[in-house]
């Protein structure tokens, strides 16, 4: 399970998301770094210009896992369906974040 918070749309608002991810085998691994990937599905809520919105997304991500630290850097492709305030399909949606592992 992954939880994120950050910019909504073109960074005119704030958003939070929750994603259920399946971690797949690493593409490359060394003592310092592992390059892995994941797929999943998630939902988001956000607010922009006093307007509330919700969306559901598919997630496909590449992870740069630092072996000695409890964090990684992730780049994700997130095609999704905006549900509120209006329905719209977005095929070109990307996100990036730093994950910190708490346990």
C-alpha atoms as a PDB file:
ATOM      1  CA  UNK A   1       0.000   0.000   0.000  1.00  0.00           C
ATOM      2  CA  UNK A   2       1.340   3.422  -0.946  1.00  0.00           C
ATOM      3  CA  UNK A   3       0.092   6.800   0.297  1.00  0.00           C
ATOM      4  CA  UNK A   4       1.174  10.064  -1.338  1.00  0.00           C
ATOM      5  CA  UNK A   5       0.405  13.760  -0.965  1.00  0.00           C
ATOM      6  CA  UNK A   6       1.356  16.601  -3.270  1.00  0.00           C
ATOM      7  CA  UNK A   7       0.232  18.789  -6.157  1.00  0.00           C
ATOM      8  CA  UNK A   8      -3.144  18.388  -7.849  1.00  0.00           C
ATOM      9  CA  UNK A   9      -3.207  18.788 -11.636  1.00  0.00           C
ATOM     10  CA  UNK A  10      -0.909  21.692 -12.618  1.00  0.00           C
ATOM     11  CA  UNK A  11       0.055  22.323  -8.972  1.00  0.00           C
ATOM     12  CA  UNK A  12      -2.801  24.790  -8.405  1.00  0.00           C
ATOM     13  CA  UNK A  13      -4.093  22.635  -5.554  1.00  0.00           C
ATOM     14  CA  UNK A  14      -3.347  19.772  -3.164  1.00  0.00           C
ATOM     15  CA  UNK A  15      -4.046  16.061  -3.521  1.00  0.00           C
ATOM     16  CA  UNK A  16      -3.689  12.778  -1.668  1.00  0.00           C
ATOM     17  CA  UNK A  17      -3.746   9.271  -3.086  1.00  0.00           C
ATOM     18  CA  UNK A  18      -3.744   5.666  -1.936  1.00  0.00           C
ATOM     19  CA  UNK A  19      -2.500   2.898  -4.240  1.00  0.00           C
ATOM     20  CA  UNK A  20      -2.452  -0.872  -3.941  1.00  0.00           C
ATOM     21  CA  UNK A  21       0.786  -1.967  -5.638  1.00  0.00           C
ATOM     22  CA  UNK A  22       2.275  -5.297  -6.672  1.00  0.00           C
ATOM     23  CA  UNK A  23       6.081  -5.195  -6.572  1.00  0.00           C
ATOM     24  CA  UNK A  24       7.612  -7.189  -9.411  1.00  0.00           C
ATOM     25  CA  UNK A  25      11.121  -8.727  -9.631  1.00  0.00           C
ATOM     26  CA  UNK A  26      14.052  -6.312  -9.843  1.00  0.00           C
ATOM     27  CA  UNK A  27      15.372  -5.529 -13.320  1.00  0.00           C
ATOM     28  CA  UNK A  28      18.864  -4.826 -11.956  1.00  0.00           C
ATOM     29  CA  UNK A  29      20.445  -5.111  -8.524  1.00  0.00           C
ATOM     30  CA  UNK A  30      23.819  -4.254  -6.981  1.00  0.00           C
ATOM     31  CA  UNK A  31      25.083  -3.596  -3.455  1.00  0.00           C
ATOM     32  CA  UNK A  32      24.138   0.092  -3.739  1.00  0.00           C
ATOM     33  CA  UNK A  33      21.035   0.219  -5.921  1.00  0.00           C
ATOM     34  CA  UNK A  34      18.215  -1.931  -7.236  1.00  0.00           C
ATOM     35  CA  UNK A  35      16.083  -0.979 -10.231  1.00  0.00           C
ATOM     36  CA  UNK A  36      12.631  -2.485  -9.750  1.00  0.00           C
ATOM     37  CA  UNK A  37       9.097  -1.947 -11.016  1.00  0.00           C
ATOM     38  CA  UNK A  38       5.516  -2.189  -9.846  1.00  0.00           C
ATOM     39  CA  UNK A  39       1.935  -2.108 -11.106  1.00  0.00           C
ATOM     40  CA  UNK A  40      -1.312  -1.382  -9.328  1.00  0.00           C
ATOM     41  CA  UNK A  41      -4.497   0.620  -8.964  1.00  0.00           C
ATOM     42  CA  UNK A  42      -5.367   3.581  -6.801  1.00  0.00           C
ATOM     43  CA  UNK A  43      -7.620   6.472  -5.991  1.00  0.00           C
ATOM     44  CA  UNK A  44      -7.039  10.162  -5.356  1.00  0.00           C
ATOM     45  CA  UNK A  45      -8.810  13.152  -3.886  1.00  0.00           C
ATOM     46  CA  UNK A  46      -7.851  16.753  -4.374  1.00  0.00           C
ATOM     47  CA  UNK A  47      -8.861  20.374  -4.341  1.00  0.00           C
ATOM     48  CA  UNK A  48      -8.041  23.022  -6.934  1.00  0.00           C
ATOM     49  CA  UNK A  49      -9.419  26.564  -7.157  1.00  0.00           C
ATOM     50  CA  UNK A  50     -12.097  25.783  -4.533  1.00  0.00           C
ATOM     51  CA  UNK A  51     -13.234  22.741  -6.535  1.00  0.00           C
ATOM     52  CA  UNK A  52     -13.146  19.203  -5.083  1.00  0.00           C
ATOM     53  CA  UNK A  53     -12.132  16.286  -7.312  1.00  0.00           C
ATOM     54  CA  UNK A  54     -11.724  12.512  -7.223  1.00  0.00           C
ATOM     55  CA  UNK A  55     -10.063  10.082  -9.623  1.00  0.00           C
ATOM     56  CA  UNK A  56      -9.107   6.433 -10.040  1.00  0.00           C
ATOM     57  CA  UNK A  57      -5.842   5.399 -11.735  1.00  0.00           C
ATOM     58  CA  UNK A  58      -3.822   2.503 -12.961  1.00  0.00           C
ATOM     59  CA  UNK A  59      -0.199   2.704 -11.831  1.00  0.00           C
ATOM     60  CA  UNK A  60       3.006   1.527 -13.504  1.00  0.00           C
ATOM     61  CA  UNK A  61       6.217   2.575 -11.786  1.00  0.00           C
ATOM     62  CA  UNK A  62       9.982   2.327 -11.964  1.00  0.00           C
ATOM     63  CA  UNK A  63      11.739   2.345  -8.567  1.00  0.00           C
ATOM     64  CA  UNK A  64      15.322   3.279  -7.803  1.00  0.00           C
ATOM     65  CA  UNK A  65      15.817   1.475  -4.469  1.00  0.00           C
ATOM     66  CA  UNK A  66      18.814   2.530  -2.381  1.00  0.00           C
ATOM     67  CA  UNK A  67      19.884  -0.669  -0.622  1.00  0.00           C
ATOM     68  CA  UNK A  68      21.467   0.924   2.486  1.00  0.00           C
ATOM     69  CA  UNK A  69      18.646   3.436   3.102  1.00  0.00           C
ATOM     70  CA  UNK A  70      14.915   2.982   3.807  1.00  0.00           C
ATOM     71  CA  UNK A  71      13.934   5.084   0.785  1.00  0.00           C
ATOM     72  CA  UNK A  72      13.604   4.995  -2.963  1.00  0.00           C
ATOM     73  CA  UNK A  73      12.867   7.346  -5.845  1.00  0.00           C
ATOM     74  CA  UNK A  74       9.863   6.439  -7.998  1.00  0.00           C
ATOM     75  CA  UNK A  75       8.664   7.567 -11.434  1.00  0.00           C
ATOM     76  CA  UNK A  76       5.107   6.495 -12.293  1.00  0.00           C
ATOM     77  CA  UNK A  77       2.800   6.471 -15.286  1.00  0.00           C
ATOM     78  CA  UNK A  78      -0.741   6.961 -13.942  1.00  0.00           C
ATOM     79  CA  UNK A  79      -3.432   6.813 -16.648  1.00  0.00           C
ATOM     80  CA  UNK A  80      -6.719   7.522 -14.937  1.00  0.00           C
ATOM     81  CA  UNK A  81     -10.359   8.444 -14.924  1.00  0.00           C
ATOM     82  CA  UNK A  82     -11.460  11.664 -13.273  1.00  0.00           C
ATOM     83  CA  UNK A  83     -14.769  10.998 -11.492  1.00  0.00           C
ATOM     84  CA  UNK A  84     -15.639  14.366  -9.917  1.00  0.00           C
ATOM     85  CA  UNK A  85     -16.323  17.167 -10.731  1.00  0.00           C
ATOM     86  CA  UNK A  86     -16.667  15.745 -14.255  1.00  0.00           C
ATOM     87  CA  UNK A  87     -15.685  12.476 -15.900  1.00  0.00           C
ATOM     88  CA  UNK A  88     -12.607  12.613 -18.084  1.00  0.00           C
ATOM     89  CA  UNK A  89     -10.099  10.019 -19.241  1.00  0.00           C
ATOM     90  CA  UNK A  90      -6.406  10.931 -18.954  1.00  0.00           C
ATOM     91  CA  UNK A  91      -3.878   8.642 -20.665  1.00  0.00           C
ATOM     92  CA  UNK A  92      -0.870  10.926 -20.169  1.00  0.00           C
ATOM     93  CA  UNK A  93      -0.443  11.415 -16.422  1.00  0.00           C
ATOM     94  CA  UNK A  94       2.877  11.023 -14.644  1.00  0.00           C
ATOM     95  CA  UNK A  95       4.064  11.344 -11.074  1.00  0.00           C
ATOM     96  CA  UNK A  96       7.294  11.211  -9.186  1.00  0.00           C
ATOM     97  CA  UNK A  97       8.038  10.923  -5.500  1.00  0.00           C
ATOM     98  CA  UNK A  98      10.464   9.784  -2.850  1.00  0.00           C
ATOM     99  CA  UNK A  99       9.252   6.864  -0.726  1.00  0.00           C
ATOM    100  CA  UNK A 100      10.269   6.512   2.889  1.00  0.00           C
ATOM    101  CA  UNK A 101       9.754   3.052   4.370  1.00  0.00           C
ATOM    102  CA  UNK A 102       8.450   3.153   7.934  1.00  0.00           C
ATOM    103  CA  UNK A 103       8.602  -0.620   8.571  1.00  0.00           C
END
